[in-house]
Amino acid sequence: MQQQLREHLEKVVSLTDDEFAFVLARFTLKRFKKHQFLVQEGEPVKYNYFVVSGLLKLVYTDASGKPHLLAFAMEDWWESDLQAYYTQTPATLSLECLEDTTVLCLSLADYHTLCAELPQLARFFLQKATLGAIAAQQRLLSLLTTSAQARYEQLLRKYSELGQRVSKTLLASYLGVSRETLSRLTA
């Protein structure tokens, strides 16, 4: 776990052993079972999560009770209800385990400490935020401008392992189509 986090960070920034020890001390390791929630709508969001192993889904439930799957998160990804995390307001999203999952948890206070004490960590988080914003824009544009078939093919090209780890029902939800439509696309 420690090595995995270090390798993840060092894809972007360099850290000495002492710096990495300082970073590591700011994280808490937690394990969750399949179907457990890391974040629940209406609750405080204590952490941003680095996925060590497992698979998560981030869901928004609308006023009529219909769930909308916003994102998946697998190994080496970060996920949380970021608005609630950064503004310290109640969650509007839920984060649930699709598999048994191990995460490293970073509190907002520890995030601020890391950014203040290690400028390269501020750079790391800025790059992650920028890439996340780009991915969100691409996903939105894809939903607005491409066919369901094209979105499905793009998803499998970009994240091939997701097709083996996630049910067709969840894939359909993520793609914004019915399960029946996805079945026609994959037939």
N, C-alpha and C. Protein backbone atom coordinates (compact mmCIF):
# COMPACT_ATOMS: atom_id res chain seq x y z
N MET A 1 0.81 -1.19 0.00
CA MET A 1 0.00 0.00 0.00
C MET A 1 0.86 1.26 0.00
N GLN A 2 1.85 1.27 0.86
CA GLN A 2 2.73 2.43 0.93
C GLN A 2 3.45 2.64 -0.40
N GLN A 3 3.96 1.55 -0.95
CA GLN A 3 4.69 1.64 -2.21
C GLN A 3 3.76 2.07 -3.34
N GLN A 4 2.53 1.57 -3.32
CA GLN A 4 1.56 1.94 -4.34
C GLN A 4 1.27 3.44 -4.31
N LEU A 5 1.09 3.99 -3.11
CA LEU A 5 0.85 5.43 -2.98
C LEU A 5 2.08 6.20 -3.43
N ARG A 6 3.24 5.76 -3.02
CA ARG A 6 4.46 6.48 -3.40
C ARG A 6 4.63 6.50 -4.91
N GLU A 7 4.44 5.34 -5.55
CA GLU A 7 4.57 5.28 -7.01
C GLU A 7 3.54 6.18 -7.68
N HIS A 8 2.33 6.21 -7.14
CA HIS A 8 1.28 7.06 -7.69
C HIS A 8 1.68 8.54 -7.60
N LEU A 9 2.14 8.96 -6.45
CA LEU A 9 2.56 10.35 -6.27
C LEU A 9 3.75 10.70 -7.15
N GLU A 10 4.71 9.76 -7.24
CA GLU A 10 5.94 10.04 -7.96
C GLU A 10 5.81 9.94 -9.48
N LYS A 11 4.62 9.61 -9.96
CA LYS A 11 4.36 9.77 -11.40
C LYS A 11 4.29 11.26 -11.74
N VAL A 12 4.07 12.09 -10.73
CA VAL A 12 3.91 13.53 -10.93
C VAL A 12 5.01 14.33 -10.24
N VAL A 13 5.38 13.97 -9.02
CA VAL A 13 6.35 14.74 -8.24
C VAL A 13 7.39 13.81 -7.62
N SER A 14 8.52 14.38 -7.24
CA SER A 14 9.56 13.61 -6.55
C SER A 14 9.46 13.86 -5.05
N LEU A 15 9.72 12.79 -4.29
CA LEU A 15 9.69 12.88 -2.83
C LEU A 15 10.90 12.17 -2.24
N THR A 16 11.49 12.79 -1.24
CA THR A 16 12.54 12.10 -0.49
C THR A 16 11.86 11.09 0.43
N ASP A 17 12.64 10.22 1.04
CA ASP A 17 12.08 9.25 1.99
C ASP A 17 11.42 9.97 3.16
N ASP A 18 12.06 11.03 3.67
CA ASP A 18 11.49 11.78 4.78
C ASP A 18 10.19 12.47 4.37
N GLU A 19 10.16 13.04 3.19
CA GLU A 19 8.94 13.68 2.70
C GLU A 19 7.81 12.66 2.56
N PHE A 20 8.15 11.50 2.01
CA PHE A 20 7.11 10.50 1.85
C PHE A 20 6.60 10.02 3.21
N ALA A 21 7.49 9.88 4.18
CA ALA A 21 7.05 9.49 5.53
C ALA A 21 6.09 10.53 6.09
N PHE A 22 6.38 11.80 5.85
CA PHE A 22 5.49 12.89 6.28
C PHE A 22 4.13 12.76 5.59
N VAL A 23 4.14 12.48 4.30
CA VAL A 23 2.90 12.30 3.53
C VAL A 23 2.12 11.12 4.08
N LEU A 24 2.77 10.01 4.20
CA LEU A 24 2.11 8.77 4.64
C LEU A 24 1.45 8.93 6.01
N ALA A 25 2.08 9.69 6.88
CA ALA A 25 1.53 9.90 8.23
C ALA A 25 0.21 10.67 8.20
N ARG A 26 -0.10 11.30 7.08
CA ARG A 26 -1.34 12.08 6.97
C ARG A 26 -2.51 11.23 6.47
N PHE A 27 -2.27 10.00 6.08
CA PHE A 27 -3.30 9.12 5.56
C PHE A 27 -3.73 8.09 6.59
N THR A 28 -4.98 7.65 6.49
CA THR A 28 -5.50 6.58 7.33
C THR A 28 -5.95 5.45 6.40
N LEU A 29 -5.56 4.24 6.73
CA LEU A 29 -5.96 3.07 5.95
C LEU A 29 -7.31 2.56 6.45
N LYS A 30 -8.23 2.31 5.52
CA LYS A 30 -9.52 1.73 5.88
C LYS A 30 -9.90 0.67 4.85
N ARG A 31 -10.62 -0.33 5.37
CA ARG A 31 -11.13 -1.41 4.51
C ARG A 31 -12.65 -1.43 4.59
N PHE A 32 -13.29 -1.65 3.45
CA PHE A 32 -14.74 -1.69 3.37
C PHE A 32 -15.16 -2.94 2.61
N LYS A 33 -16.31 -3.45 2.97
CA LYS A 33 -16.88 -4.63 2.29
C LYS A 33 -17.75 -4.17 1.12
N LYS A 34 -17.96 -5.09 0.20
CA LYS A 34 -18.86 -4.83 -0.92
C LYS A 34 -20.20 -4.34 -0.37
N HIS A 35 -20.76 -3.32 -0.99
CA HIS A 35 -22.03 -2.67 -0.66
C HIS A 35 -21.95 -1.69 0.51
N GLN A 36 -20.80 -1.58 1.17
CA GLN A 36 -20.67 -0.57 2.22
C GLN A 36 -20.49 0.80 1.57
N PHE A 37 -20.92 1.83 2.30
CA PHE A 37 -20.79 3.20 1.83
C PHE A 37 -19.61 3.88 2.50
N LEU A 38 -18.83 4.60 1.71
CA LEU A 38 -17.77 5.45 2.24
C LEU A 38 -18.34 6.85 2.48
N VAL A 39 -19.27 7.24 1.61
CA VAL A 39 -19.95 8.53 1.70
C VAL A 39 -21.43 8.26 1.48
N GLN A 40 -22.28 8.89 2.31
CA GLN A 40 -23.73 8.78 2.13
C GLN A 40 -24.33 10.16 2.03
N GLU A 41 -25.27 10.30 1.12
CA GLU A 41 -25.96 11.56 0.91
C GLU A 41 -26.49 12.09 2.25
N GLY A 42 -26.26 13.38 2.48
CA GLY A 42 -26.74 14.03 3.70
C GLY A 42 -25.77 13.99 4.86
N GLU A 43 -24.75 13.17 4.77
CA GLU A 43 -23.77 13.02 5.85
C GLU A 43 -22.54 13.89 5.58
N PRO A 44 -21.76 14.20 6.61
CA PRO A 44 -20.50 14.92 6.39
C PRO A 44 -19.52 14.05 5.59
N VAL A 45 -18.67 14.69 4.83
CA VAL A 45 -17.64 13.98 4.06
C VAL A 45 -16.30 14.27 4.71
N LYS A 46 -15.77 13.27 5.37
CA LYS A 46 -14.54 13.46 6.14
C LYS A 46 -13.28 13.31 5.30
N TYR A 47 -13.36 12.55 4.19
CA TYR A 47 -12.14 12.18 3.49
C TYR A 47 -12.28 12.25 1.97
N ASN A 48 -11.12 12.43 1.34
CA ASN A 48 -10.94 12.12 -0.06
C ASN A 48 -10.23 10.77 -0.05
N TYR A 49 -10.63 9.87 -0.93
CA TYR A 49 -10.16 8.48 -0.86
C TYR A 49 -9.25 8.14 -2.04
N PHE A 50 -8.10 7.56 -1.73
CA PHE A 50 -7.22 6.98 -2.73
C PHE A 50 -7.48 5.48 -2.71
N VAL A 51 -7.88 4.92 -3.85
CA VAL A 51 -8.25 3.51 -3.91
C VAL A 51 -6.99 2.66 -4.06
N VAL A 52 -6.73 1.85 -3.05
CA VAL A 52 -5.60 0.92 -3.07
C VAL A 52 -6.01 -0.34 -3.83
N SER A 53 -7.18 -0.87 -3.47
CA SER A 53 -7.72 -2.03 -4.18
C SER A 53 -9.24 -1.98 -4.08
N GLY A 54 -9.89 -2.54 -5.07
CA GLY A 54 -11.34 -2.56 -5.08
C GLY A 54 -11.93 -1.63 -6.12
N LEU A 55 -13.23 -1.46 -6.01
CA LEU A 55 -13.97 -0.68 -7.01
C LEU A 55 -15.13 0.03 -6.33
N LEU A 56 -15.30 1.31 -6.66
CA LEU A 56 -16.33 2.15 -6.07
C LEU A 56 -17.22 2.72 -7.16
N LYS A 57 -18.44 3.15 -6.76
CA LYS A 57 -19.29 3.92 -7.66
C LYS A 57 -19.76 5.17 -6.93
N LEU A 58 -19.79 6.27 -7.65
CA LEU A 58 -20.26 7.55 -7.14
C LEU A 58 -21.62 7.82 -7.76
N VAL A 59 -22.63 8.03 -6.91
CA VAL A 59 -24.02 8.10 -7.37
C VAL A 59 -24.71 9.35 -6.84
N TYR A 60 -25.50 9.97 -7.72
CA TYR A 60 -26.41 11.04 -7.32
C TYR A 60 -27.83 10.48 -7.42
N THR A 61 -28.62 10.67 -6.38
CA THR A 61 -30.01 10.23 -6.39
C THR A 61 -30.90 11.47 -6.49
N ASP A 62 -31.72 11.53 -7.55
CA ASP A 62 -32.54 12.72 -7.76
C ASP A 62 -33.75 12.73 -6.83
N ALA A 63 -34.54 13.79 -6.92
CA ALA A 63 -35.68 13.99 -6.01
C ALA A 63 -36.72 12.89 -6.12
N SER A 64 -36.79 12.25 -7.29
CA SER A 64 -37.77 11.16 -7.47
C SER A 64 -37.22 9.82 -6.99
N GLY A 65 -35.97 9.81 -6.51
CA GLY A 65 -35.36 8.57 -6.02
C GLY A 65 -34.60 7.79 -7.07
N LYS A 66 -34.47 8.35 -8.27
CA LYS A 66 -33.74 7.66 -9.34
C LYS A 66 -32.23 7.90 -9.18
N PRO A 67 -31.45 6.81 -9.14
CA PRO A 67 -30.00 6.97 -9.02
C PRO A 67 -29.36 7.27 -10.39
N HIS A 68 -28.34 8.12 -10.37
CA HIS A 68 -27.58 8.47 -11.57
C HIS A 68 -26.11 8.18 -11.26
N LEU A 69 -25.53 7.24 -11.99
CA LEU A 69 -24.15 6.84 -11.74
C LEU A 69 -23.22 7.85 -12.41
N LEU A 70 -22.47 8.58 -11.59
CA LEU A 70 -21.59 9.63 -12.09
C LEU A 70 -20.20 9.11 -12.44
N ALA A 71 -19.69 8.18 -11.65
CA ALA A 71 -18.31 7.76 -11.84
C ALA A 71 -18.05 6.41 -11.19
N PHE A 72 -17.04 5.75 -11.71
CA PHE A 72 -16.44 4.59 -11.08
C PHE A 72 -15.07 5.02 -10.57
N ALA A 73 -14.55 4.31 -9.59
CA ALA A 73 -13.18 4.55 -9.14
C ALA A 73 -12.55 3.21 -8.81
N MET A 74 -11.41 2.95 -9.42
CA MET A 74 -10.70 1.70 -9.18
C MET A 74 -9.29 2.02 -8.71
N GLU A 75 -8.45 1.03 -8.66
CA GLU A 75 -7.10 1.16 -8.12
C GLU A 75 -6.37 2.38 -8.72
N ASP A 76 -5.71 3.10 -7.83
CA ASP A 76 -4.92 4.29 -8.16
C ASP A 76 -5.76 5.49 -8.56
N TRP A 77 -7.06 5.46 -8.26
CA TRP A 77 -7.92 6.61 -8.51
C TRP A 77 -8.28 7.24 -7.18
N TRP A 78 -8.65 8.51 -7.25
CA TRP A 78 -9.14 9.27 -6.10
C TRP A 78 -10.64 9.48 -6.29
N GLU A 79 -11.40 9.42 -5.20
CA GLU A 79 -12.83 9.68 -5.33
C GLU A 79 -13.40 10.15 -4.00
N SER A 80 -14.42 11.00 -4.10
CA SER A 80 -15.19 11.48 -2.96
C SER A 80 -16.29 12.37 -3.51
N ASP A 81 -17.16 12.85 -2.65
CA ASP A 81 -18.07 13.94 -3.02
C ASP A 81 -17.22 15.18 -2.79
N LEU A 82 -16.57 15.65 -3.84
CA LEU A 82 -15.57 16.70 -3.70
C LEU A 82 -16.16 18.03 -3.24
N GLN A 83 -17.35 18.36 -3.71
CA GLN A 83 -17.97 19.60 -3.25
C GLN A 83 -18.16 19.57 -1.74
N ALA A 84 -18.71 18.48 -1.24
CA ALA A 84 -18.95 18.36 0.20
C ALA A 84 -17.63 18.30 0.97
N TYR A 85 -16.64 17.63 0.43
CA TYR A 85 -15.33 17.51 1.07
C TYR A 85 -14.67 18.89 1.21
N TYR A 86 -14.58 19.63 0.11
CA TYR A 86 -13.87 20.91 0.14
C TYR A 86 -14.66 22.01 0.83
N THR A 87 -15.99 21.96 0.79
CA THR A 87 -16.79 23.02 1.43
C THR A 87 -17.28 22.62 2.81
N GLN A 88 -17.01 21.36 3.19
CA GLN A 88 -17.44 20.83 4.49
C GLN A 88 -18.94 21.02 4.70
N THR A 89 -19.69 20.65 3.66
CA THR A 89 -21.15 20.64 3.69
C THR A 89 -21.63 19.20 3.56
N PRO A 90 -22.89 18.92 3.86
CA PRO A 90 -23.38 17.55 3.74
C PRO A 90 -23.28 17.03 2.30
N ALA A 91 -23.03 15.75 2.19
CA ALA A 91 -22.89 15.11 0.89
C ALA A 91 -24.19 15.17 0.09
N THR A 92 -24.04 15.40 -1.20
CA THR A 92 -25.18 15.29 -2.13
C THR A 92 -25.04 14.02 -2.95
N LEU A 93 -23.92 13.34 -2.80
CA LEU A 93 -23.63 12.11 -3.54
C LEU A 93 -23.38 10.98 -2.55
N SER A 94 -23.41 9.76 -3.07
CA SER A 94 -23.06 8.58 -2.27
C SER A 94 -21.92 7.85 -2.95
N LEU A 95 -21.01 7.31 -2.16
CA LEU A 95 -19.89 6.54 -2.66
C LEU A 95 -19.97 5.15 -2.06
N GLU A 96 -20.16 4.15 -2.91
CA GLU A 96 -20.42 2.78 -2.46
C GLU A 96 -19.43 1.81 -3.07
N CYS A 97 -19.08 0.79 -2.29
CA CYS A 97 -18.18 -0.26 -2.75
C CYS A 97 -18.91 -1.24 -3.65
N LEU A 98 -18.34 -1.50 -4.81
CA LEU A 98 -18.84 -2.55 -5.70
C LEU A 98 -18.09 -3.86 -5.47
N GLU A 99 -16.97 -3.75 -4.80
CA GLU A 99 -16.14 -4.90 -4.40
C GLU A 99 -15.60 -4.58 -3.01
N ASP A 100 -15.06 -5.59 -2.33
CA ASP A 100 -14.32 -5.29 -1.11
C ASP A 100 -13.22 -4.30 -1.50
N THR A 101 -13.05 -3.27 -0.71
CA THR A 101 -12.20 -2.16 -1.12
C THR A 101 -11.31 -1.71 0.03
N THR A 102 -10.07 -1.39 -0.30
CA THR A 102 -9.12 -0.80 0.63
C THR A 102 -8.76 0.58 0.11
N VAL A 103 -8.84 1.57 1.00
CA VAL A 103 -8.56 2.94 0.62
C VAL A 103 -7.61 3.59 1.62
N LEU A 104 -6.91 4.59 1.15
CA LEU A 104 -6.16 5.49 2.01
C LEU A 104 -6.96 6.78 2.07
N CYS A 105 -7.27 7.23 3.29
CA CYS A 105 -8.16 8.37 3.51
C CYS A 105 -7.35 9.60 3.87
N LEU A 106 -7.71 10.72 3.23
CA LEU A 106 -7.03 11.98 3.50
C LEU A 106 -8.06 13.01 3.95
N SER A 107 -7.95 13.47 5.19
CA SER A 107 -8.85 14.50 5.70
C SER A 107 -8.53 15.83 5.04
N LEU A 108 -9.46 16.76 5.11
CA LEU A 108 -9.22 18.09 4.53
C LEU A 108 -8.11 18.81 5.28
N ALA A 109 -8.07 18.67 6.59
CA ALA A 109 -7.00 19.31 7.37
C ALA A 109 -5.63 18.76 6.95
N ASP A 110 -5.54 17.45 6.76
CA ASP A 110 -4.27 16.85 6.34
C ASP A 110 -3.92 17.23 4.90
N TYR A 111 -4.93 17.36 4.06
CA TYR A 111 -4.71 17.83 2.69
C TYR A 111 -4.07 19.22 2.74
N HIS A 112 -4.64 20.12 3.54
CA HIS A 112 -4.09 21.47 3.65
C HIS A 112 -2.67 21.45 4.22
N THR A 113 -2.43 20.59 5.20
CA THR A 113 -1.08 20.47 5.77
C THR A 113 -0.09 20.03 4.70
N LEU A 114 -0.45 19.02 3.93
CA LEU A 114 0.45 18.54 2.87
C LEU A 114 0.75 19.63 1.86
N CYS A 115 -0.29 20.35 1.43
CA CYS A 115 -0.08 21.40 0.43
C CYS A 115 0.76 22.55 0.98
N ALA A 116 0.60 22.87 2.27
CA ALA A 116 1.35 23.96 2.88
C ALA A 116 2.81 23.58 3.12
N GLU A 117 3.03 22.35 3.55
CA GLU A 117 4.38 21.92 3.93
C GLU A 117 5.22 21.40 2.76
N LEU A 118 4.55 20.86 1.75
CA LEU A 118 5.26 20.29 0.60
C LEU A 118 4.68 20.88 -0.69
N PRO A 119 5.30 21.91 -1.22
CA PRO A 119 4.77 22.55 -2.44
C PRO A 119 4.56 21.57 -3.60
N GLN A 120 5.39 20.55 -3.66
CA GLN A 120 5.22 19.58 -4.75
C GLN A 120 3.91 18.80 -4.61
N LEU A 121 3.41 18.64 -3.37
CA LEU A 121 2.11 17.98 -3.18
C LEU A 121 0.98 18.89 -3.64
N ALA A 122 1.12 20.19 -3.43
CA ALA A 122 0.13 21.13 -3.97
C ALA A 122 0.10 21.01 -5.49
N ARG A 123 1.26 20.88 -6.11
CA ARG A 123 1.34 20.68 -7.57
C ARG A 123 0.68 19.37 -7.98
N PHE A 124 0.93 18.32 -7.20
CA PHE A 124 0.33 17.02 -7.49
C PHE A 124 -1.19 17.13 -7.48
N PHE A 125 -1.74 17.70 -6.41
CA PHE A 125 -3.20 17.80 -6.29
C PHE A 125 -3.79 18.73 -7.35
N LEU A 126 -3.06 19.77 -7.72
CA LEU A 126 -3.54 20.65 -8.79
C LEU A 126 -3.62 19.88 -10.11
N GLN A 127 -2.60 19.07 -10.39
CA GLN A 127 -2.62 18.29 -11.62
C GLN A 127 -3.78 17.29 -11.60
N LYS A 128 -3.99 16.62 -10.47
CA LYS A 128 -5.10 15.66 -10.36
C LYS A 128 -6.45 16.36 -10.56
N ALA A 129 -6.60 17.54 -9.96
CA ALA A 129 -7.85 18.29 -10.10
C ALA A 129 -8.06 18.72 -11.55
N THR A 130 -6.99 19.17 -12.19
CA THR A 130 -7.09 19.60 -13.58
C THR A 130 -7.47 18.42 -14.48
N LEU A 131 -6.82 17.30 -14.30
CA LEU A 131 -7.13 16.12 -15.11
C LEU A 131 -8.56 15.63 -14.84
N GLY A 132 -9.00 15.73 -13.59
CA GLY A 132 -10.36 15.36 -13.25
C GLY A 132 -11.38 16.26 -13.93
N ALA A 133 -11.10 17.57 -13.95
CA ALA A 133 -11.99 18.52 -14.62
C ALA A 133 -12.05 18.26 -16.12
N ILE A 134 -10.91 17.95 -16.71
CA ILE A 134 -10.88 17.63 -18.15
C ILE A 134 -11.70 16.38 -18.42
N ALA A 135 -11.53 15.35 -17.60
CA ALA A 135 -12.28 14.10 -17.77
C ALA A 135 -13.78 14.35 -17.63
N ALA A 136 -14.17 15.19 -16.66
CA ALA A 136 -15.59 15.50 -16.46
C ALA A 136 -16.15 16.22 -17.69
N GLN A 137 -15.39 17.16 -18.24
CA GLN A 137 -15.84 17.85 -19.45
C GLN A 137 -15.97 16.88 -20.62
N GLN A 138 -15.01 16.00 -20.79
CA GLN A 138 -15.06 15.03 -21.88
C GLN A 138 -16.27 14.11 -21.73
N ARG A 139 -16.55 13.69 -20.50
CA ARG A 139 -17.71 12.83 -20.26
C ARG A 139 -19.00 13.56 -20.59
N LEU A 140 -19.11 14.79 -20.16
CA LEU A 140 -20.31 15.58 -20.44
C LEU A 140 -20.48 15.79 -21.95
N LEU A 141 -19.42 16.14 -22.63
CA LEU A 141 -19.49 16.32 -24.08
C LEU A 141 -19.86 15.02 -24.78
N SER A 142 -19.32 13.92 -24.30
CA SER A 142 -19.65 12.62 -24.87
C SER A 142 -21.13 12.31 -24.71
N LEU A 143 -21.68 12.59 -23.53
CA LEU A 143 -23.12 12.36 -23.30
C LEU A 143 -23.97 13.24 -24.21
N LEU A 144 -23.49 14.44 -24.51
CA LEU A 144 -24.26 15.38 -25.32
C LEU A 144 -24.13 15.15 -26.82
N THR A 145 -22.99 14.61 -27.25
CA THR A 145 -22.71 14.63 -28.69
C THR A 145 -22.50 13.27 -29.36
N THR A 146 -22.39 12.21 -28.58
CA THR A 146 -22.11 10.92 -29.22
C THR A 146 -23.22 9.92 -28.95
N SER A 147 -23.29 8.93 -29.79
CA SER A 147 -24.31 7.89 -29.65
C SER A 147 -23.97 6.98 -28.48
N ALA A 148 -24.96 6.25 -28.04
CA ALA A 148 -24.75 5.27 -26.96
C ALA A 148 -23.70 4.25 -27.37
N GLN A 149 -23.75 3.83 -28.62
CA GLN A 149 -22.77 2.86 -29.12
C GLN A 149 -21.35 3.42 -29.02
N ALA A 150 -21.18 4.66 -29.44
CA ALA A 150 -19.86 5.29 -29.39
C ALA A 150 -19.39 5.45 -27.95
N ARG A 151 -20.30 5.83 -27.04
CA ARG A 151 -19.92 5.97 -25.63
C ARG A 151 -19.49 4.64 -25.05
N TYR A 152 -20.21 3.58 -25.39
CA TYR A 152 -19.87 2.24 -24.89
C TYR A 152 -18.49 1.82 -25.40
N GLU A 153 -18.24 2.00 -26.69
CA GLU A 153 -16.95 1.61 -27.27
C GLU A 153 -15.81 2.44 -26.67
N GLN A 154 -16.08 3.72 -26.46
CA GLN A 154 -15.07 4.59 -25.85
C GLN A 154 -14.75 4.15 -24.42
N LEU A 155 -15.79 3.80 -23.67
CA LEU A 155 -15.59 3.34 -22.30
C LEU A 155 -14.73 2.07 -22.27
N LEU A 156 -15.03 1.12 -23.14
CA LEU A 156 -14.26 -0.13 -23.16
C LEU A 156 -12.83 0.09 -23.63
N ARG A 157 -12.63 1.03 -24.56
CA ARG A 157 -11.27 1.34 -25.01
C ARG A 157 -10.46 1.97 -23.88
N LYS A 158 -11.09 2.89 -23.18
CA LYS A 158 -10.38 3.64 -22.14
C LYS A 158 -10.19 2.84 -20.87
N TYR A 159 -11.21 2.04 -20.49
CA TYR A 159 -11.18 1.29 -19.24
C TYR A 159 -11.64 -0.14 -19.50
N SER A 160 -10.86 -0.89 -20.22
CA SER A 160 -11.26 -2.23 -20.65
C SER A 160 -11.61 -3.15 -19.48
N GLU A 161 -10.90 -3.02 -18.37
CA GLU A 161 -11.15 -3.92 -17.23
C GLU A 161 -12.51 -3.66 -16.58
N LEU A 162 -13.07 -2.49 -16.79
CA LEU A 162 -14.36 -2.16 -16.20
C LEU A 162 -15.46 -3.09 -16.72
N GLY A 163 -15.38 -3.47 -17.98
CA GLY A 163 -16.37 -4.38 -18.57
C GLY A 163 -16.44 -5.72 -17.88
N GLN A 164 -15.33 -6.18 -17.29
CA GLN A 164 -15.31 -7.45 -16.57
C GLN A 164 -15.69 -7.30 -15.10
N ARG A 165 -15.59 -6.10 -14.57
CA ARG A 165 -15.78 -5.90 -13.13
C ARG A 165 -17.14 -5.31 -12.77
N VAL A 166 -17.86 -4.80 -13.76
CA VAL A 166 -19.11 -4.09 -13.50
C VAL A 166 -20.24 -4.74 -14.28
N SER A 167 -21.40 -4.82 -13.65
CA SER A 167 -22.57 -5.42 -14.31
C SER A 167 -23.01 -4.55 -15.49
N LYS A 168 -23.70 -5.17 -16.42
CA LYS A 168 -24.26 -4.45 -17.57
C LYS A 168 -25.24 -3.37 -17.11
N THR A 169 -25.96 -3.64 -16.04
CA THR A 169 -26.91 -2.66 -15.52
C THR A 169 -26.18 -1.39 -15.08
N LEU A 170 -25.05 -1.54 -14.38
CA LEU A 170 -24.28 -0.37 -13.96
C LEU A 170 -23.63 0.33 -15.14
N LEU A 171 -23.13 -0.45 -16.08
CA LEU A 171 -22.55 0.17 -17.29
C LEU A 171 -23.61 0.98 -18.02
N ALA A 172 -24.81 0.43 -18.14
CA ALA A 172 -25.90 1.14 -18.81
C ALA A 172 -26.20 2.45 -18.09
N SER A 173 -26.28 2.40 -16.78
CA SER A 173 -26.55 3.61 -15.99
C SER A 173 -25.47 4.65 -16.22
N TYR A 174 -24.23 4.24 -16.21
CA TYR A 174 -23.12 5.16 -16.42
C TYR A 174 -23.19 5.80 -17.81
N LEU A 175 -23.59 5.00 -18.79
CA LEU A 175 -23.66 5.48 -20.17
C LEU A 175 -24.93 6.28 -20.46
N GLY A 176 -25.87 6.27 -19.51
CA GLY A 176 -27.10 7.02 -19.70
C GLY A 176 -28.09 6.34 -20.62
N VAL A 177 -28.08 5.00 -20.63
CA VAL A 177 -29.02 4.24 -21.46
C VAL A 177 -29.68 3.17 -20.59
N SER A 178 -30.73 2.57 -21.13
CA SER A 178 -31.39 1.48 -20.41
C SER A 178 -30.55 0.20 -20.55
N ARG A 179 -30.81 -0.73 -19.67
CA ARG A 179 -30.13 -2.04 -19.73
C ARG A 179 -30.44 -2.72 -21.06
N GLU A 180 -31.67 -2.58 -21.55
CA GLU A 180 -32.08 -3.20 -22.80
C GLU A 180 -31.32 -2.59 -23.98
N THR A 181 -31.15 -1.28 -23.96
CA THR A 181 -30.40 -0.62 -25.02
C THR A 181 -28.95 -1.11 -25.03
N LEU A 182 -28.36 -1.22 -23.86
CA LEU A 182 -26.98 -1.71 -23.79
C LEU A 182 -26.89 -3.14 -24.31
N SER A 183 -27.88 -3.98 -24.01
CA SER A 183 -27.88 -5.34 -24.52
C SER A 183 -27.91 -5.36 -26.04
N ARG A 184 -28.68 -4.45 -26.64
CA ARG A 184 -28.71 -4.37 -28.12
C ARG A 184 -27.37 -3.92 -28.66
N LEU A 185 -26.72 -3.02 -27.96
CA LEU A 185 -25.42 -2.51 -28.42
C LEU A 185 -24.34 -3.58 -28.37
N THR A 186 -24.43 -4.47 -27.40
CA THR A 186 -23.38 -5.47 -27.21
C THR A 186 -23.69 -6.80 -27.90
N ALA A 187 -24.87 -6.89 -28.52
CA ALA A 187 -25.26 -8.14 -29.20
C ALA A 187 -24.55 -8.32 -30.52
